[in-house]
Protein backbone atom coordinates (compact mmCIF):
# COMPACT_ATOMS: atom_id res chain seq x y z
CA MET A 1 -10.97 -22.01 -10.79
CA GLN A 2 -7.57 -20.75 -12.15
CA ALA A 3 -6.09 -17.47 -12.19
CA ALA A 4 -7.41 -15.18 -15.44
CA SER A 5 -6.12 -12.11 -16.93
CA LEU A 6 -7.81 -8.90 -16.94
CA GLU A 7 -7.72 -6.48 -20.16
CA ILE A 8 -9.24 -3.27 -19.69
CA ALA A 9 -9.31 -0.71 -22.68
CA GLY A 10 -11.13 2.52 -22.85
CA LEU A 11 -13.60 1.75 -19.89
CA THR A 12 -15.55 4.71 -19.49
CA ALA A 13 -18.52 4.46 -16.53
CA GLY A 14 -19.88 6.60 -13.52
CA TYR A 15 -23.06 7.29 -11.74
CA GLY A 16 -25.97 8.13 -13.65
CA PRO A 17 -25.07 10.52 -16.60
CA THR A 18 -22.12 11.55 -14.27
CA ARG A 19 -18.92 10.13 -15.82
CA ILE A 20 -16.14 9.38 -13.32
CA LEU A 21 -13.77 7.21 -15.28
CA GLU A 22 -12.90 8.18 -18.68
CA GLU A 23 -11.02 5.97 -21.42
CA VAL A 24 -9.29 3.75 -18.45
CA SER A 25 -6.98 1.20 -19.92
CA PHE A 26 -4.69 -1.29 -18.37
CA SER A 27 -3.91 -5.33 -18.23
CA VAL A 28 -2.89 -7.63 -15.73
CA PRO A 29 -1.63 -11.16 -16.60
CA ALA A 30 -2.96 -14.22 -15.03
CA GLY A 31 -1.32 -14.54 -11.57
CA GLY A 32 -0.16 -10.76 -11.63
CA ARG A 33 -0.49 -8.24 -8.92
CA MET A 34 -1.30 -4.70 -9.37
CA ALA A 35 -1.59 -1.99 -6.96
CA VAL A 36 -4.04 0.97 -7.93
CA LEU A 37 -2.93 3.93 -6.13
CA GLY A 38 -4.39 8.06 -6.19
CA ARG A 39 -5.10 10.54 -3.91
CA ASN A 40 -9.20 10.35 -2.50
CA GLY A 41 -11.50 10.98 -5.05
CA MET A 42 -9.41 10.05 -8.09
CA GLY A 43 -11.65 7.08 -9.11
CA LYS A 44 -10.38 3.80 -7.58
CA THR A 45 -13.04 2.72 -5.86
CA THR A 46 -15.52 3.68 -8.83
CA LEU A 47 -13.06 1.70 -11.10
CA PHE A 48 -13.82 -1.69 -8.97
CA ALA A 49 -17.24 -1.18 -8.76
CA THR A 50 -17.58 -0.64 -12.20
CA LEU A 51 -15.41 -4.19 -13.06
CA ALA A 52 -18.26 -5.52 -10.44
CA GLY A 53 -21.05 -3.98 -12.39
CA GLN A 54 -22.11 -1.55 -9.87
CA THR A 55 -22.16 1.61 -12.01
CA ASN A 56 -23.41 3.15 -15.23
CA PHE A 57 -21.35 1.75 -18.27
CA HIS A 58 -20.79 4.23 -20.98
CA GLY A 59 -17.98 2.73 -23.22
CA GLY A 60 -14.94 0.38 -23.48
CA SER A 61 -14.18 -2.93 -22.65
CA ALA A 62 -13.36 -5.19 -19.67
CA LEU A 63 -12.20 -8.89 -20.38
CA LEU A 64 -11.81 -11.68 -17.56
CA GLY A 65 -9.82 -14.23 -18.84
CA GLY A 66 -11.26 -13.42 -22.37
CA VAL A 67 -15.01 -13.00 -21.18
CA GLU A 68 -16.32 -9.62 -21.72
CA LEU A 69 -17.88 -8.40 -18.46
CA THR A 70 -19.67 -5.14 -19.59
CA GLY A 71 -23.04 -6.92 -20.58
CA LEU A 72 -22.86 -9.14 -17.37
CA ASP A 73 -24.87 -8.10 -14.22
CA GLY A 74 -23.16 -8.42 -10.81
CA SER A 75 -24.06 -12.27 -10.03
CA ALA A 76 -23.02 -13.39 -13.75
CA ARG A 77 -19.72 -11.41 -13.27
CA ALA A 78 -18.92 -13.64 -10.09
CA LEU A 79 -19.73 -16.79 -11.87
CA ALA A 80 -17.18 -15.39 -14.61
CA GLY A 81 -14.60 -15.65 -11.75
CA LEU A 82 -14.64 -11.87 -10.64
CA GLY A 83 -14.22 -11.56 -6.54
CA TYR A 84 -14.96 -8.30 -5.17
CA VAL A 85 -14.04 -7.10 -1.57
CA PRO A 86 -15.46 -3.41 -1.05
CA GLN A 87 -14.34 -1.01 1.22
CA HIS A 88 -17.60 -1.35 3.43
CA ARG A 89 -17.10 -4.78 5.38
CA ALA A 90 -20.23 -6.84 4.04
CA ILE A 91 -20.46 -9.47 6.43
CA PHE A 92 -23.47 -11.04 8.19
CA LYS A 93 -23.49 -9.70 11.66
CA SER A 94 -26.05 -11.97 13.33
CA LEU A 95 -24.09 -15.14 11.86
CA THR A 96 -21.18 -16.78 13.28
CA VAL A 97 -17.85 -16.55 11.80
CA GLU A 98 -18.21 -19.99 10.42
CA GLU A 99 -21.82 -19.41 9.24
CA ASN A 100 -20.30 -16.52 7.39
CA LEU A 101 -17.79 -18.32 5.70
CA LEU A 102 -20.16 -21.52 4.60
CA VAL A 103 -22.08 -18.78 2.57
CA GLY A 104 -18.94 -18.18 0.65
CA ILE A 105 -18.00 -21.70 -0.36
CA LYS A 106 -20.53 -21.86 -3.16
CA GLY A 107 -21.39 -25.57 -3.38
CA ARG A 108 -17.92 -26.61 -2.33
CA PRO A 109 -17.52 -29.30 0.44
CA ALA A 110 -17.90 -27.73 3.81
CA GLN A 111 -14.49 -28.82 5.05
CA ALA A 112 -13.48 -26.08 2.31
CA ILE A 113 -13.39 -23.70 5.27
CA GLU A 114 -10.38 -24.81 6.59
CA GLU A 115 -8.47 -22.74 3.87
CA ALA A 116 -9.94 -19.61 5.18
CA TYR A 117 -8.70 -20.72 8.68
CA ALA A 118 -5.34 -21.36 7.25
CA LEU A 119 -5.09 -17.96 6.02
CA PHE A 120 -6.46 -16.31 8.86
CA PRO A 121 -5.71 -18.26 12.39
CA ARG A 122 -7.57 -15.38 14.07
CA LEU A 123 -10.98 -16.51 12.60
CA LYS A 124 -10.75 -19.90 13.49
CA GLU A 125 -10.41 -18.91 17.09
CA ARG A 126 -13.26 -16.91 16.86
CA ARG A 127 -15.47 -19.33 14.56
CA ASN A 128 -18.18 -19.29 16.94
CA ASN A 129 -18.43 -15.64 17.56
CA ALA A 130 -21.14 -13.43 15.72
CA GLY A 131 -19.98 -11.48 12.94
CA GLY A 132 -20.93 -8.31 14.42
CA LYS A 133 -19.08 -9.01 17.81
CA LEU A 134 -15.38 -8.97 15.79
CA SER A 135 -12.94 -6.20 15.56
CA GLY A 136 -12.95 -4.05 12.46
CA GLY A 137 -9.69 -5.90 11.51
CA GLU A 138 -11.51 -9.37 11.94
CA GLN A 139 -14.24 -8.41 9.91
CA GLN A 140 -12.05 -7.34 6.88
CA MET A 141 -10.37 -10.87 7.28
CA LEU A 142 -14.04 -12.66 7.32
CA THR A 143 -15.30 -10.30 4.29
CA THR A 144 -11.93 -11.72 2.46
CA ALA A 145 -11.88 -15.13 3.40
CA ARG A 146 -15.54 -15.69 2.27
CA THR A 147 -14.69 -14.05 -0.91
CA ILE A 148 -11.60 -16.14 -1.43
CA LEU A 149 -13.64 -19.21 -0.60
CA GLY A 150 -15.81 -18.96 -3.96
CA GLN A 151 -12.39 -19.02 -5.52
CA PRO A 152 -12.35 -16.23 -7.89
CA SER A 153 -10.03 -16.12 -10.91
CA VAL A 154 -9.57 -12.35 -10.19
CA LEU A 155 -10.04 -10.91 -6.81
CA LEU A 156 -10.40 -6.96 -6.31
CA LEU A 157 -9.52 -5.58 -2.68
CA ASP A 158 -10.56 -2.20 -2.16
CA GLU A 159 -8.77 -0.51 0.61
CA PRO A 160 -8.50 -3.31 2.93
CA LEU A 161 -6.34 -1.76 5.60
CA GLU A 162 -8.29 1.28 6.03
CA GLY A 163 -8.51 2.53 9.77
CA LEU A 164 -6.79 -0.83 10.89
CA ALA A 165 -4.17 -1.21 13.69
CA PRO A 166 -0.81 -1.70 11.82
CA VAL A 167 -0.70 -5.27 13.81
CA ILE A 168 -3.75 -6.46 11.47
CA CYS A 169 -2.59 -4.16 8.53
CA ASP A 170 0.37 -6.85 8.59
CA GLU A 171 -1.25 -9.59 9.01
CA LEU A 172 -3.64 -9.10 6.36
CA MET A 173 -0.71 -8.21 4.00
CA ALA A 174 1.24 -11.08 4.96
CA ALA A 175 -2.33 -13.35 3.94
CA PHE A 176 -2.38 -11.54 0.53
CA THR A 177 1.60 -12.16 -0.21
CA SER A 178 0.81 -15.77 0.47
CA LEU A 179 -2.30 -16.03 -1.75
CA ALA A 180 -0.50 -14.24 -4.49
CA ALA A 181 2.29 -16.64 -4.45
CA THR A 182 0.53 -19.43 -5.34
CA LYS A 183 -0.43 -17.87 -8.47
CA ALA A 184 -4.10 -19.12 -8.13
CA MET A 185 -5.92 -15.90 -8.66
CA THR A 186 -4.92 -12.42 -9.94
CA ILE A 187 -5.23 -9.74 -7.39
CA LEU A 188 -5.94 -6.14 -7.74
CA LEU A 189 -5.07 -4.16 -4.68
CA VAL A 190 -6.45 -0.35 -4.08
CA GLU A 191 -4.55 1.07 -0.97
CA GLN A 192 -3.56 4.10 0.85
CA ARG A 193 -0.52 2.87 2.57
CA ILE A 194 1.92 3.27 -0.61
CA LYS A 195 4.52 1.31 0.82
CA ALA A 196 2.60 -1.85 1.67
CA ALA A 197 1.26 -1.62 -1.91
CA LEU A 198 4.25 -1.28 -3.45
CA SER A 199 5.90 -4.23 -1.29
CA PHE A 200 2.90 -6.27 -2.59
CA ALA A 201 2.68 -5.28 -6.39
CA GLU A 202 4.17 -6.16 -9.45
CA ILE A 203 2.47 -3.50 -11.46
CA VAL A 204 1.16 -0.13 -10.38
CA LEU A 205 -1.29 2.02 -11.86
CA ILE A 206 -1.99 5.89 -10.65
CA MET A 207 -5.13 7.31 -11.20
CA GLU A 208 -5.76 11.17 -11.49
CA ARG A 209 -9.56 12.51 -12.14
CA GLY A 210 -10.81 9.37 -13.21
CA ARG A 211 -7.85 8.53 -15.84
CA VAL A 212 -4.67 6.77 -15.79
CA ALA A 213 -1.79 8.89 -15.11
CA TRP A 214 0.65 6.30 -14.84
CA GLN A 215 1.58 2.78 -15.14
CA GLY A 216 4.71 0.97 -14.66
CA THR A 217 6.53 -1.21 -12.12
CA PRO A 218 6.90 -0.55 -8.48
CA GLU A 219 10.84 0.11 -8.95
CA GLU A 220 10.20 2.41 -11.82
CA LEU A 221 7.92 4.71 -9.62
CA GLU A 222 10.39 4.29 -6.62
CA ALA A 223 12.78 5.87 -8.89
CA GLN A 224 10.74 8.55 -9.94
CA PRO A 225 9.83 10.56 -6.65
CA GLU A 226 8.72 13.50 -8.46
CA VAL A 227 5.78 11.30 -9.62
CA VAL A 228 4.84 10.22 -6.05
CA ASP A 229 4.90 13.72 -4.94
CA ARG A 230 2.72 14.96 -7.99
CA LEU A 231 0.18 12.17 -8.29
CA LEU A 232 0.02 10.61 -4.65
CA GLY A 233 0.64 14.12 -2.72
CA VAL A 234 3.46 12.39 -0.65
CA GLY A 235 7.20 12.72 0.22
CA HIS A 236 9.19 9.84 -1.09
């Protein structure tokens, strides 16, 4: 599957009658890289969950390569090309690393798992280990690799570095950068580590109380330290 564009217009959603997202609009070209930033509780995770079909939709449009997602359930969105790696590490703890990866190949030849091992060599070293015996960083690699093996055209990564040691964060970001360089998929990254996110992204979106508060390039954001202070609550 090739990378696809993502076009969001007036997206409004939440949980039950409560609206968390209000009129969210942005676009990412096929093969592009976007970082979604914002303080905790500003709607970043809800945005990704909404794109994955896990919230209550109230209005707007979400086009993945021209295909409208809002009327599709989660499995249909995956078939349309959406890959979602949530904050919690969704692995099968009783299965080995290799068995977890085989779940993700979706009918591809079994040798396709070598793609995951090339991206994350640690997983190859632990291919016979049970998922539950892996470190948090290794579980994150496994969750991400399994999703990537499904060859999504748009990949959503929700805080993949949360709670991980710096060396593991570096390995993950290197893998994401390598993957992005192939232009094989469009990647959206929610991340609290601003420096890592800006180094990765071509486009930056900052959310504030469920709305888009700022959009631009990493260079434009770096040139506006007052925006960083006001919307992200950290110094430049």
